[in-house]
Amino acid sequence: MSLKSSQRQYAEIIHDDEICNMLFGIDLVGDESFFETKFYRPLLMPWKEKGKMVRAHVSESQPAKNAFDAVTKLPITNIAHGIRLMDDQDLLQRVINNDITYDLGLSSNYVAGIVTTHHPICKMIQSGLKLTLGTDDPIQCDTTLDKEFRLAANLGVSEEYLKKFSKLAFKNTIKHKY
């Protein structure tokens, strides 16, 4: 079976109401430097229409322009990582205007070598982005949610914003009908 065939088959499970009720969302991962919006849009639309999270991993290892198609042509509700979007203020404003949530994995950014010095999380907060914290890949990154929140605090994130991260994550869980 080809990769596209298996992706189509996986995306189709949203049409089974019993399975749909057990799912939180779908996550577009893979080669950040290229994905076909014409292929993915029809696969992802039913997920958004059913109120599920539609997340794309973009602009972590690639320049901000990598996220342009995801933000402008796909029905995404969340961006995983996306720290390079901070380099494109127009695209960043589209993310804010489209009410897209950023799901950050701080340890993941360091382990992958995406961030080598100070993480831009405080700049992301100041820009008005909606942010949540997660573990991304807890085994590979040797992390937990507690560690991620401590890391955020060590990077200068206030207690007020740490609470906002949790509240937004909970709100998104309810919003995406899980």
Foldseek 3Di string as FASTA:
>chain_A
DDPLVVLLVVLVVCVVVVVVLVDQADEADDDLQDDDLVSCQVSRVSLVVLQHAYEYAYQQQDALVSCVCVLPRHPHQEYERNQNVVVPLVSVVSCVVSNHEYEYAVLVSCLVVSDPDQRCPVVCVVSPHHYAYANVDCVSSVDHVVRRLVVVVVSPDDPVVNVSNVVVVVVSSVSSND
